[in-house]
Amino acid sequence: MHVVRFILILIPVAITVYALIDAITAPRDQVRSLPKALWIFLIVILWIGGAVLWFFFGRPNRSKGGDSPGGGGGQLRPQGPDDDPDFLADLDWKKNKGN
């Protein structure tokens, strides 16, 4: 019985701590809906409710094709060969090598 009670307390605490760390480390210019400081305040004051609101309304949109595992903050991968500067430089080099 004590284990169940411990788990029922641990899960909301873990979610709130994760949301708080996520809000603190999020780039200020990418936070949605409210200022970053207000989100941090809401997460602390509203506890699990503030964390849920952060995940749905405040968390920055993560890039879908980024290189970094966390999503945001990394450069986007080229969508095709004509967007890849390395490919274009190699193509120019091969073209000039033939002359």
N, C-alpha and C. Protein backbone atom coordinates (compact mmCIF):
# COMPACT_ATOMS: atom_id res chain seq x y z
N MET A 1 0.81 -1.18 0.00
CA MET A 1 0.00 0.00 0.00
C MET A 1 0.86 1.26 0.00
N HIS A 2 1.99 1.20 0.70
CA HIS A 2 2.89 2.35 0.76
C HIS A 2 3.54 2.61 -0.59
N VAL A 3 3.79 1.55 -1.34
CA VAL A 3 4.42 1.70 -2.65
C VAL A 3 3.48 2.43 -3.61
N VAL A 4 2.21 2.09 -3.57
CA VAL A 4 1.23 2.74 -4.44
C VAL A 4 1.13 4.23 -4.11
N ARG A 5 1.09 4.54 -2.83
CA ARG A 5 1.03 5.94 -2.40
C ARG A 5 2.29 6.68 -2.84
N PHE A 6 3.43 6.04 -2.71
CA PHE A 6 4.70 6.65 -3.13
C PHE A 6 4.69 6.94 -4.63
N ILE A 7 4.21 5.99 -5.43
CA ILE A 7 4.16 6.17 -6.89
C ILE A 7 3.17 7.28 -7.26
N LEU A 8 2.03 7.33 -6.57
CA LEU A 8 1.03 8.35 -6.87
C LEU A 8 1.53 9.76 -6.52
N ILE A 9 2.48 9.86 -5.63
CA ILE A 9 3.10 11.15 -5.31
C ILE A 9 4.27 11.43 -6.23
N LEU A 10 5.03 10.40 -6.56
CA LEU A 10 6.23 10.57 -7.36
C LEU A 10 5.93 11.01 -8.80
N ILE A 11 4.90 10.48 -9.42
CA ILE A 11 4.60 10.80 -10.82
C ILE A 11 4.30 12.29 -11.02
N PRO A 12 3.39 12.90 -10.25
CA PRO A 12 3.15 14.34 -10.45
C PRO A 12 4.37 15.20 -10.13
N VAL A 13 5.15 14.79 -9.12
CA VAL A 13 6.35 15.54 -8.79
C VAL A 13 7.35 15.47 -9.95
N ALA A 14 7.52 14.29 -10.52
CA ALA A 14 8.44 14.13 -11.65
C ALA A 14 7.99 14.94 -12.86
N ILE A 15 6.70 14.94 -13.15
CA ILE A 15 6.17 15.71 -14.28
C ILE A 15 6.39 17.21 -14.05
N THR A 16 6.16 17.67 -12.85
CA THR A 16 6.33 19.09 -12.53
C THR A 16 7.79 19.49 -12.61
N VAL A 17 8.67 18.67 -12.07
CA VAL A 17 10.11 18.98 -12.12
C VAL A 17 10.59 18.99 -13.57
N TYR A 18 10.13 18.03 -14.36
CA TYR A 18 10.51 17.99 -15.78
C TYR A 18 10.02 19.25 -16.50
N ALA A 19 8.77 19.65 -16.26
CA ALA A 19 8.23 20.85 -16.89
C ALA A 19 9.00 22.09 -16.45
N LEU A 20 9.36 22.16 -15.19
CA LEU A 20 10.11 23.31 -14.68
C LEU A 20 11.48 23.40 -15.33
N ILE A 21 12.19 22.29 -15.42
CA ILE A 21 13.50 22.29 -16.08
C ILE A 21 13.36 22.61 -17.56
N ASP A 22 12.34 22.07 -18.20
CA ASP A 22 12.10 22.34 -19.61
C ASP A 22 11.82 23.82 -19.84
N ALA A 23 11.02 24.43 -18.97
CA ALA A 23 10.70 25.85 -19.11
C ALA A 23 11.93 26.72 -18.86
N ILE A 24 12.74 26.36 -17.88
CA ILE A 24 13.94 27.14 -17.57
C ILE A 24 14.94 27.09 -18.72
N THR A 25 15.08 25.93 -19.35
CA THR A 25 16.09 25.78 -20.41
C THR A 25 15.56 26.15 -21.80
N ALA A 26 14.27 26.42 -21.93
CA ALA A 26 13.71 26.78 -23.23
C ALA A 26 14.20 28.17 -23.64
N PRO A 27 14.52 28.36 -24.93
CA PRO A 27 14.92 29.69 -25.40
C PRO A 27 13.78 30.70 -25.20
N ARG A 28 14.09 31.81 -24.63
CA ARG A 28 13.09 32.82 -24.27
C ARG A 28 12.26 33.26 -25.47
N ASP A 29 12.88 33.38 -26.63
CA ASP A 29 12.16 33.88 -27.81
C ASP A 29 11.28 32.81 -28.46
N GLN A 30 11.36 31.56 -28.02
CA GLN A 30 10.56 30.50 -28.61
C GLN A 30 9.40 30.04 -27.72
N VAL A 31 9.33 30.56 -26.50
CA VAL A 31 8.26 30.19 -25.57
C VAL A 31 6.95 30.80 -26.08
N ARG A 32 5.88 30.00 -26.08
CA ARG A 32 4.60 30.44 -26.63
C ARG A 32 3.67 30.97 -25.55
N SER A 33 2.72 31.77 -25.97
CA SER A 33 1.56 32.25 -25.21
C SER A 33 1.87 33.27 -24.12
N LEU A 34 2.77 32.99 -23.22
CA LEU A 34 3.09 33.88 -22.10
C LEU A 34 4.60 34.06 -22.00
N PRO A 35 5.06 35.09 -21.29
CA PRO A 35 6.50 35.24 -21.05
C PRO A 35 7.07 34.05 -20.26
N LYS A 36 8.32 33.76 -20.50
CA LYS A 36 8.98 32.62 -19.88
C LYS A 36 8.91 32.68 -18.35
N ALA A 37 9.16 33.84 -17.78
CA ALA A 37 9.14 33.97 -16.31
C ALA A 37 7.76 33.66 -15.75
N LEU A 38 6.72 34.06 -16.46
CA LEU A 38 5.36 33.77 -16.00
C LEU A 38 5.06 32.28 -16.08
N TRP A 39 5.58 31.61 -17.11
CA TRP A 39 5.40 30.15 -17.20
C TRP A 39 6.07 29.45 -16.02
N ILE A 40 7.27 29.88 -15.70
CA ILE A 40 7.99 29.26 -14.57
C ILE A 40 7.19 29.47 -13.28
N PHE A 41 6.67 30.68 -13.09
CA PHE A 41 5.85 30.98 -11.92
C PHE A 41 4.61 30.09 -11.88
N LEU A 42 3.93 29.94 -13.01
CA LEU A 42 2.73 29.11 -13.06
C LEU A 42 3.02 27.64 -12.77
N ILE A 43 4.13 27.15 -13.28
CA ILE A 43 4.50 25.75 -13.03
C ILE A 43 4.74 25.52 -11.54
N VAL A 44 5.39 26.47 -10.90
CA VAL A 44 5.68 26.33 -9.47
C VAL A 44 4.40 26.47 -8.64
N ILE A 45 3.57 27.46 -8.97
CA ILE A 45 2.38 27.74 -8.17
C ILE A 45 1.26 26.71 -8.41
N LEU A 46 1.00 26.39 -9.69
CA LEU A 46 -0.12 25.50 -10.01
C LEU A 46 0.27 24.03 -9.99
N TRP A 47 1.54 23.75 -9.80
CA TRP A 47 2.08 22.40 -9.68
C TRP A 47 1.75 21.58 -10.91
N ILE A 48 1.01 20.51 -10.84
CA ILE A 48 0.76 19.63 -11.99
C ILE A 48 -0.07 20.36 -13.05
N GLY A 49 -0.98 21.23 -12.63
CA GLY A 49 -1.78 21.99 -13.60
C GLY A 49 -0.93 22.93 -14.43
N GLY A 50 0.02 23.60 -13.79
CA GLY A 50 0.94 24.47 -14.51
C GLY A 50 1.82 23.70 -15.48
N ALA A 51 2.23 22.50 -15.07
CA ALA A 51 3.06 21.67 -15.95
C ALA A 51 2.28 21.23 -17.18
N VAL A 52 1.03 20.83 -16.98
CA VAL A 52 0.20 20.40 -18.12
C VAL A 52 -0.04 21.58 -19.06
N LEU A 53 -0.34 22.76 -18.50
CA LEU A 53 -0.53 23.95 -19.33
C LEU A 53 0.74 24.27 -20.11
N TRP A 54 1.90 24.13 -19.48
CA TRP A 54 3.18 24.39 -20.15
C TRP A 54 3.35 23.47 -21.37
N PHE A 55 3.08 22.19 -21.18
CA PHE A 55 3.27 21.24 -22.27
C PHE A 55 2.35 21.52 -23.46
N PHE A 56 1.13 21.99 -23.18
CA PHE A 56 0.18 22.21 -24.27
C PHE A 56 0.25 23.62 -24.87
N PHE A 57 0.55 24.63 -24.06
CA PHE A 57 0.43 26.00 -24.54
C PHE A 57 1.71 26.83 -24.50
N GLY A 58 2.71 26.42 -23.75
CA GLY A 58 3.90 27.25 -23.60
C GLY A 58 5.16 26.70 -24.22
N ARG A 59 5.25 25.40 -24.27
CA ARG A 59 6.47 24.75 -24.75
C ARG A 59 6.74 25.12 -26.20
N PRO A 60 8.00 25.44 -26.53
CA PRO A 60 8.32 25.77 -27.93
C PRO A 60 8.02 24.59 -28.85
N ASN A 61 7.62 24.91 -30.06
CA ASN A 61 7.42 23.86 -31.06
C ASN A 61 8.77 23.28 -31.41
N ARG A 62 8.87 22.00 -31.37
CA ARG A 62 10.13 21.32 -31.69
C ARG A 62 10.20 21.10 -33.19
N SER A 63 11.41 21.27 -33.75
CA SER A 63 11.57 21.04 -35.18
C SER A 63 11.38 19.56 -35.49
N LYS A 64 10.73 19.27 -36.58
CA LYS A 64 10.43 17.88 -36.92
C LYS A 64 11.57 17.18 -37.63
N GLY A 65 12.48 17.94 -38.26
CA GLY A 65 13.56 17.30 -39.00
C GLY A 65 14.92 17.66 -38.48
N GLY A 66 15.01 18.10 -37.24
CA GLY A 66 16.28 18.58 -36.70
C GLY A 66 17.27 17.46 -36.44
N ASP A 67 18.53 17.86 -36.29
CA ASP A 67 19.59 16.90 -36.03
C ASP A 67 19.66 16.49 -34.57
N SER A 68 19.25 17.39 -33.67
CA SER A 68 19.40 17.09 -32.26
C SER A 68 18.28 16.20 -31.77
N PRO A 69 18.58 15.26 -30.86
CA PRO A 69 17.55 14.35 -30.39
C PRO A 69 16.42 15.05 -29.64
N GLY A 70 16.71 16.16 -28.99
CA GLY A 70 15.69 16.88 -28.26
C GLY A 70 14.75 17.67 -29.14
N GLY A 71 15.09 17.85 -30.38
CA GLY A 71 14.23 18.54 -31.32
C GLY A 71 14.66 19.95 -31.57
N GLY A 72 14.49 20.84 -30.64
CA GLY A 72 14.73 22.25 -30.88
C GLY A 72 16.19 22.63 -30.76
N GLY A 73 16.55 23.78 -31.32
CA GLY A 73 17.87 24.31 -31.14
C GLY A 73 18.89 23.88 -32.17
N GLY A 74 18.70 22.80 -32.86
CA GLY A 74 19.64 22.35 -33.86
C GLY A 74 19.31 22.88 -35.23
N GLN A 75 20.26 22.72 -36.14
CA GLN A 75 20.00 23.14 -37.51
C GLN A 75 19.10 22.12 -38.19
N LEU A 76 18.31 22.60 -39.14
CA LEU A 76 17.46 21.69 -39.90
C LEU A 76 18.28 20.98 -40.95
N ARG A 77 17.96 19.75 -41.19
CA ARG A 77 18.61 19.00 -42.25
C ARG A 77 18.12 19.50 -43.60
N PRO A 78 18.96 19.45 -44.62
CA PRO A 78 18.49 19.81 -45.96
C PRO A 78 17.38 18.87 -46.40
N GLN A 79 16.37 19.41 -47.04
CA GLN A 79 15.23 18.60 -47.49
C GLN A 79 15.53 17.88 -48.80
N GLY A 80 16.41 18.41 -49.58
CA GLY A 80 16.77 17.78 -50.85
C GLY A 80 18.20 18.14 -51.21
N PRO A 81 18.74 17.53 -52.27
CA PRO A 81 20.14 17.80 -52.64
C PRO A 81 20.38 19.26 -52.98
N ASP A 82 19.40 19.93 -53.55
CA ASP A 82 19.61 21.33 -53.92
C ASP A 82 19.61 22.26 -52.72
N ASP A 83 19.27 21.77 -51.53
CA ASP A 83 19.32 22.55 -50.30
C ASP A 83 20.59 22.28 -49.50
N ASP A 84 21.36 21.30 -49.91
CA ASP A 84 22.55 20.87 -49.16
C ASP A 84 23.79 21.57 -49.71
N PRO A 85 24.41 22.48 -48.94
CA PRO A 85 25.58 23.20 -49.44
C PRO A 85 26.77 22.28 -49.74
N ASP A 86 26.92 21.19 -48.99
CA ASP A 86 28.02 20.25 -49.26
C ASP A 86 27.82 19.57 -50.61
N PHE A 87 26.59 19.17 -50.89
CA PHE A 87 26.30 18.53 -52.18
C PHE A 87 26.56 19.50 -53.32
N LEU A 88 26.12 20.75 -53.19
CA LEU A 88 26.31 21.74 -54.26
C LEU A 88 27.78 22.06 -54.46
N ALA A 89 28.56 22.14 -53.38
CA ALA A 89 29.99 22.40 -53.51
C ALA A 89 30.68 21.24 -54.20
N ASP A 90 30.30 20.01 -53.86
CA ASP A 90 30.87 18.83 -54.50
C ASP A 90 30.50 18.79 -55.98
N LEU A 91 29.29 19.18 -56.31
CA LEU A 91 28.84 19.22 -57.69
C LEU A 91 29.63 20.24 -58.49
N ASP A 92 29.85 21.42 -57.90
CA ASP A 92 30.66 22.46 -58.57
C ASP A 92 32.10 21.97 -58.77
N TRP A 93 32.65 21.29 -57.74
CA TRP A 93 34.02 20.80 -57.84
C TRP A 93 34.14 19.78 -58.97
N LYS A 94 33.18 18.85 -59.06
CA LYS A 94 33.20 17.85 -60.13
C LYS A 94 33.03 18.49 -61.49
N LYS A 95 32.20 19.52 -61.58
CA LYS A 95 31.97 20.20 -62.84
C LYS A 95 33.23 20.92 -63.30
N ASN A 96 33.93 21.61 -62.38
CA ASN A 96 35.14 22.33 -62.72
C ASN A 96 36.32 21.40 -62.96
N LYS A 97 36.30 20.23 -62.37
CA LYS A 97 37.38 19.25 -62.55
C LYS A 97 37.37 18.73 -63.99
N GLY A 98 36.17 18.63 -64.57
CA GLY A 98 36.04 18.13 -65.93
C GLY A 98 36.54 19.10 -66.99
N ASN A 99 36.68 20.40 -66.65
CA ASN A 99 37.14 21.39 -67.64
C ASN A 99 38.62 21.44 -67.76
